[in-house]
């Protein structure tokens, strides 16, 4: 499980993407439980504090969604000055809640781990640039982590074919 965030952070570095939200909860994501209860995220389900409404009785607390829209790296105190803020973007809100009882204060232990992942990703990106492998990886990262609607160009396909012939990729 630790490998996935490392690769995600590496791809964010390569693609020079600035992320302001570490979590989609309540912004582009809602979850509905088996009883019809509406929550901002599947990871926050069954924690009554996060209940937004119910589809069966027609209730929905739209005002409660505001806290999720405002929960970004500019409004989370330690994130404002963190070197990894645009890559991590504050991480998962459930992790914040479990560690601290609130969603706007990150888990300090998780921050330490994420910063280490980002440092490793930065070191790897320098090495990949030095080995001239970066041009080979960018089309794959765009395709997998996505630029919406990204279509591989002919020269991208050629680079991927070339990369698949490299001895360490089997």
C-alpha atoms as a PDB file:
ATOM      1  CA  UNK A   1       0.000   0.000   0.000  1.00  0.00           C
ATOM      2  CA  UNK A   2       2.903   2.371   0.618  1.00  0.00           C
ATOM      3  CA  UNK A   3       4.048   2.033  -3.007  1.00  0.00           C
ATOM      4  CA  UNK A   4       0.861   3.563  -4.458  1.00  0.00           C
ATOM      5  CA  UNK A   5       1.150   7.007  -2.835  1.00  0.00           C
ATOM      6  CA  UNK A   6       4.807   7.160  -3.800  1.00  0.00           C
ATOM      7  CA  UNK A   7       3.934   6.586  -7.460  1.00  0.00           C
ATOM      8  CA  UNK A   8       1.063   9.075  -7.219  1.00  0.00           C
ATOM      9  CA  UNK A   9       3.357  11.766  -5.802  1.00  0.00           C
ATOM     10  CA  UNK A  10       5.973  10.998  -8.439  1.00  0.00           C
ATOM     11  CA  UNK A  11       3.405  11.437 -11.200  1.00  0.00           C
ATOM     12  CA  UNK A  12       2.175  14.715  -9.694  1.00  0.00           C
ATOM     13  CA  UNK A  13       5.753  16.000  -9.753  1.00  0.00           C
ATOM     14  CA  UNK A  14       6.235  14.964 -13.366  1.00  0.00           C
ATOM     15  CA  UNK A  15       2.965  16.446 -14.521  1.00  0.00           C
ATOM     16  CA  UNK A  16       3.522  19.636 -12.492  1.00  0.00           C
ATOM     17  CA  UNK A  17       0.019  19.445 -11.082  1.00  0.00           C
ATOM     18  CA  UNK A  18      -0.936  21.586  -8.129  1.00  0.00           C
ATOM     19  CA  UNK A  19      -3.520  19.926  -5.930  1.00  0.00           C
ATOM     20  CA  UNK A  20      -5.380  22.088  -3.459  1.00  0.00           C
ATOM     21  CA  UNK A  21      -7.679  19.400  -2.051  1.00  0.00           C
ATOM     22  CA  UNK A  22      -6.377  16.081  -0.787  1.00  0.00           C
ATOM     23  CA  UNK A  23      -9.818  14.587  -0.685  1.00  0.00           C
ATOM     24  CA  UNK A  24     -12.976  14.656  -2.800  1.00  0.00           C
ATOM     25  CA  UNK A  25     -15.305  14.193   0.185  1.00  0.00           C
ATOM     26  CA  UNK A  26     -18.319  16.469  -0.059  1.00  0.00           C
ATOM     27  CA  UNK A  27     -17.012  18.240  -3.134  1.00  0.00           C
ATOM     28  CA  UNK A  28     -17.227  15.789  -6.010  1.00  0.00           C
ATOM     29  CA  UNK A  29     -18.063  12.750  -3.944  1.00  0.00           C
ATOM     30  CA  UNK A  30     -21.108  11.731  -1.904  1.00  0.00           C
ATOM     31  CA  UNK A  31     -21.971   8.264  -0.624  1.00  0.00           C
ATOM     32  CA  UNK A  32     -25.359   6.754   0.119  1.00  0.00           C
ATOM     33  CA  UNK A  33     -25.620   3.971   2.672  1.00  0.00           C
ATOM     34  CA  UNK A  34     -27.965   0.977   2.540  1.00  0.00           C
ATOM     35  CA  UNK A  35     -30.510   2.817   4.734  1.00  0.00           C
ATOM     36  CA  UNK A  36     -30.447   5.847   2.425  1.00  0.00           C
ATOM     37  CA  UNK A  37     -28.179   7.965   4.625  1.00  0.00           C
ATOM     38  CA  UNK A  38     -26.041  10.463   2.702  1.00  0.00           C
ATOM     39  CA  UNK A  39     -22.413  11.014   3.683  1.00  0.00           C
ATOM     40  CA  UNK A  40     -19.630  13.099   2.118  1.00  0.00           C
ATOM     41  CA  UNK A  41     -17.507   9.988   1.535  1.00  0.00           C
ATOM     42  CA  UNK A  42     -17.661   6.208   1.802  1.00  0.00           C
ATOM     43  CA  UNK A  43     -14.874   6.353   4.392  1.00  0.00           C
ATOM     44  CA  UNK A  44     -16.987   8.612   6.627  1.00  0.00           C
ATOM     45  CA  UNK A  45     -20.117   6.483   6.439  1.00  0.00           C
ATOM     46  CA  UNK A  46     -21.720   5.394   9.691  1.00  0.00           C
ATOM     47  CA  UNK A  47     -20.089   8.229  11.637  1.00  0.00           C
ATOM     48  CA  UNK A  48     -23.266  10.136  12.520  1.00  0.00           C
ATOM     49  CA  UNK A  49     -21.360  13.398  12.858  1.00  0.00           C
ATOM     50  CA  UNK A  50     -20.945  13.394   9.047  1.00  0.00           C
ATOM     51  CA  UNK A  51     -24.544  12.508   8.158  1.00  0.00           C
ATOM     52  CA  UNK A  52     -25.780  14.979   5.525  1.00  0.00           C
ATOM     53  CA  UNK A  53     -29.302  13.674   5.020  1.00  0.00           C
ATOM     54  CA  UNK A  54     -31.366  10.746   3.829  1.00  0.00           C
ATOM     55  CA  UNK A  55     -32.774  10.003   0.390  1.00  0.00           C
ATOM     56  CA  UNK A  56     -35.859   8.264   1.827  1.00  0.00           C
ATOM     57  CA  UNK A  57     -37.089  11.194   3.895  1.00  0.00           C
ATOM     58  CA  UNK A  58     -35.834  13.852   1.463  1.00  0.00           C
ATOM     59  CA  UNK A  59     -33.499  15.631   3.876  1.00  0.00           C
ATOM     60  CA  UNK A  60     -30.174  17.085   2.802  1.00  0.00           C
ATOM     61  CA  UNK A  61     -28.059  19.582   4.716  1.00  0.00           C
ATOM     62  CA  UNK A  62     -26.487  21.473   1.833  1.00  0.00           C
ATOM     63  CA  UNK A  63     -24.971  24.059   4.194  1.00  0.00           C
ATOM     64  CA  UNK A  64     -22.869  21.307   5.800  1.00  0.00           C
ATOM     65  CA  UNK A  65     -21.083  20.795   2.479  1.00  0.00           C
ATOM     66  CA  UNK A  66     -19.431  24.199   2.847  1.00  0.00           C
ATOM     67  CA  UNK A  67     -16.890  22.795   5.331  1.00  0.00           C
ATOM     68  CA  UNK A  68     -15.640  20.375   2.656  1.00  0.00           C
ATOM     69  CA  UNK A  69     -15.318  23.081   0.006  1.00  0.00           C
ATOM     70  CA  UNK A  70     -13.305  25.246   2.406  1.00  0.00           C
ATOM     71  CA  UNK A  71     -11.047  22.409   3.539  1.00  0.00           C
ATOM     72  CA  UNK A  72      -8.049  22.990   1.282  1.00  0.00           C
ATOM     73  CA  UNK A  73      -4.335  23.562   1.774  1.00  0.00           C
ATOM     74  CA  UNK A  74      -4.839  27.312   2.179  1.00  0.00           C
ATOM     75  CA  UNK A  75      -7.172  26.800   5.150  1.00  0.00           C
ATOM     76  CA  UNK A  76      -5.370  23.960   6.953  1.00  0.00           C
ATOM     77  CA  UNK A  77      -2.736  25.540   9.190  1.00  0.00           C
ATOM     78  CA  UNK A  78       0.196  23.099   8.901  1.00  0.00           C
ATOM     79  CA  UNK A  79      -0.413  22.634   5.162  1.00  0.00           C
ATOM     80  CA  UNK A  80      -0.035  26.321   4.346  1.00  0.00           C
ATOM     81  CA  UNK A  81       3.715  26.250   4.936  1.00  0.00           C
ATOM     82  CA  UNK A  82       4.509  22.611   4.085  1.00  0.00           C
ATOM     83  CA  UNK A  83       6.882  21.970   1.174  1.00  0.00           C
ATOM     84  CA  UNK A  84       4.715  19.027   0.041  1.00  0.00           C
ATOM     85  CA  UNK A  85       1.403  20.906   0.109  1.00  0.00           C
ATOM     86  CA  UNK A  86       0.686  20.870  -3.636  1.00  0.00           C
ATOM     87  CA  UNK A  87       1.521  17.176  -3.945  1.00  0.00           C
ATOM     88  CA  UNK A  88      -0.169  15.842  -0.807  1.00  0.00           C
ATOM     89  CA  UNK A  89      -2.880  18.522  -0.708  1.00  0.00           C
ATOM     90  CA  UNK A  90      -3.851  17.737   2.854  1.00  0.00           C
ATOM     91  CA  UNK A  91      -4.605  14.007   2.441  1.00  0.00           C
ATOM     92  CA  UNK A  92      -7.775  12.133   3.464  1.00  0.00           C
ATOM     93  CA  UNK A  93     -10.261  13.838   5.764  1.00  0.00           C
ATOM     94  CA  UNK A  94     -11.146  10.588   7.526  1.00  0.00           C
ATOM     95  CA  UNK A  95      -7.509  10.275   8.576  1.00  0.00           C
ATOM     96  CA  UNK A  96      -7.693  13.763  10.036  1.00  0.00           C
ATOM     97  CA  UNK A  97     -10.881  12.928  11.918  1.00  0.00           C
ATOM     98  CA  UNK A  98      -9.618   9.613  13.318  1.00  0.00           C
ATOM     99  CA  UNK A  99      -6.359  11.173  14.520  1.00  0.00           C
ATOM    100  CA  UNK A 100      -7.681  14.473  15.873  1.00  0.00           C
ATOM    101  CA  UNK A 101     -11.492  14.418  16.007  1.00  0.00           C
ATOM    102  CA  UNK A 102     -11.713  17.198  13.396  1.00  0.00           C
ATOM    103  CA  UNK A 103     -11.312  17.269   9.605  1.00  0.00           C
ATOM    104  CA  UNK A 104      -9.251  20.440   9.359  1.00  0.00           C
ATOM    105  CA  UNK A 105      -6.186  19.235  11.266  1.00  0.00           C
ATOM    106  CA  UNK A 106      -4.001  16.576   9.624  1.00  0.00           C
ATOM    107  CA  UNK A 107      -2.657  13.489  11.331  1.00  0.00           C
ATOM    108  CA  UNK A 108       0.915  14.417  12.263  1.00  0.00           C
ATOM    109  CA  UNK A 109       2.221  10.853  11.843  1.00  0.00           C
ATOM    110  CA  UNK A 110       0.684  10.663   8.370  1.00  0.00           C
ATOM    111  CA  UNK A 111       2.284  14.022   7.501  1.00  0.00           C
ATOM    112  CA  UNK A 112       5.710  12.683   8.427  1.00  0.00           C
ATOM    113  CA  UNK A 113       5.190   9.620   6.204  1.00  0.00           C
ATOM    114  CA  UNK A 114       3.872  11.677   3.283  1.00  0.00           C
ATOM    115  CA  UNK A 115       6.795  14.108   3.474  1.00  0.00           C
ATOM    116  CA  UNK A 116       9.189  11.164   3.275  1.00  0.00           C
ATOM    117  CA  UNK A 117       7.318   9.787   0.220  1.00  0.00           C
ATOM    118  CA  UNK A 118       7.515  13.198  -1.452  1.00  0.00           C
ATOM    119  CA  UNK A 119      11.247  13.484  -0.708  1.00  0.00           C
ATOM    120  CA  UNK A 120      11.774  10.060  -2.302  1.00  0.00           C
ATOM    121  CA  UNK A 121       9.664  11.060  -5.299  1.00  0.00           C
ATOM    122  CA  UNK A 122      11.735  14.218  -5.759  1.00  0.00           C
ATOM    123  CA  UNK A 123      14.970  12.212  -5.579  1.00  0.00           C
ATOM    124  CA  UNK A 124      13.588   9.676  -8.070  1.00  0.00           C
ATOM    125  CA  UNK A 125      12.492  12.423 -10.445  1.00  0.00           C
ATOM    126  CA  UNK A 126      16.040  13.848 -10.520  1.00  0.00           C
ATOM    127  CA  UNK A 127      17.447  10.396 -11.208  1.00  0.00           C
ATOM    128  CA  UNK A 128      14.910   9.697 -13.976  1.00  0.00           C
ATOM    129  CA  UNK A 129      15.745  13.020 -15.600  1.00  0.00           C
ATOM    130  CA  UNK A 130      19.462  12.214 -15.356  1.00  0.00           C
ATOM    131  CA  UNK A 131      18.868   8.834 -17.054  1.00  0.00           C
ATOM    132  CA  UNK A 132      16.703  10.540 -19.713  1.00  0.00           C
ATOM    133  CA  UNK A 133      13.776   8.259 -18.860  1.00  0.00           C
ATOM    134  CA  UNK A 134      11.359  11.066 -18.051  1.00  0.00           C
ATOM    135  CA  UNK A 135      10.189  11.498 -21.686  1.00  0.00           C
ATOM    136  CA  UNK A 136       9.330   7.803 -21.712  1.00  0.00           C
ATOM    137  CA  UNK A 137       7.239   7.961 -18.564  1.00  0.00           C
ATOM    138  CA  UNK A 138       5.261  11.159 -19.148  1.00  0.00           C
ATOM    139  CA  UNK A 139       2.857   9.744 -21.762  1.00  0.00           C
ATOM    140  CA  UNK A 140       2.102   6.759 -19.534  1.00  0.00           C
ATOM    141  CA  UNK A 141       1.493   8.967 -16.517  1.00  0.00           C
ATOM    142  CA  UNK A 142      -0.767  11.266 -18.497  1.00  0.00           C
ATOM    143  CA  UNK A 143      -2.728   8.262 -19.667  1.00  0.00           C
ATOM    144  CA  UNK A 144      -2.966   6.517 -16.295  1.00  0.00           C
ATOM    145  CA  UNK A 145      -3.312   9.482 -13.914  1.00  0.00           C
ATOM    146  CA  UNK A 146      -4.825  11.523 -16.378  1.00  0.00           C
ATOM    147  CA  UNK A 147      -5.173  14.566 -18.214  1.00  0.00           C
ATOM    148  CA  UNK A 148      -8.869  14.268 -19.032  1.00  0.00           C
ATOM    149  CA  UNK A 149      -9.292  13.395 -22.663  1.00  0.00           C
ATOM    150  CA  UNK A 150      -5.573  12.801 -23.186  1.00  0.00           C
ATOM    151  CA  UNK A 151      -4.964  10.775 -26.330  1.00  0.00           C
ATOM    152  CA  UNK A 152      -1.605   9.218 -27.027  1.00  0.00           C
ATOM    153  CA  UNK A 153       0.189  10.839 -29.927  1.00  0.00           C
ATOM    154  CA  UNK A 154       2.194   8.808 -32.451  1.00  0.00           C
ATOM    155  CA  UNK A 155       5.518   9.839 -30.909  1.00  0.00           C
ATOM    156  CA  UNK A 156       4.167   8.884 -27.433  1.00  0.00           C
ATOM    157  CA  UNK A 157       3.295   5.408 -28.737  1.00  0.00           C
ATOM    158  CA  UNK A 158       6.776   5.045 -30.170  1.00  0.00           C
ATOM    159  CA  UNK A 159       8.365   6.009 -26.842  1.00  0.00           C
ATOM    160  CA  UNK A 160       6.196   3.467 -25.004  1.00  0.00           C
ATOM    161  CA  UNK A 161       7.148   0.736 -27.493  1.00  0.00           C
ATOM    162  CA  UNK A 162      10.812   1.664 -26.995  1.00  0.00           C
ATOM    163  CA  UNK A 163      10.449   1.645 -23.214  1.00  0.00           C
ATOM    164  CA  UNK A 164       8.932  -1.853 -23.286  1.00  0.00           C
ATOM    165  CA  UNK A 165      12.115  -3.099 -24.985  1.00  0.00           C
ATOM    166  CA  UNK A 166      14.341  -1.848 -22.164  1.00  0.00           C
ATOM    167  CA  UNK A 167      16.013  -4.750 -20.321  1.00  0.00           C
ATOM    168  CA  UNK A 168      14.659  -3.951 -16.848  1.00  0.00           C
ATOM    169  CA  UNK A 169      11.012  -3.866 -17.970  1.00  0.00           C
ATOM    170  CA  UNK A 170       9.639  -7.388 -18.267  1.00  0.00           C
END
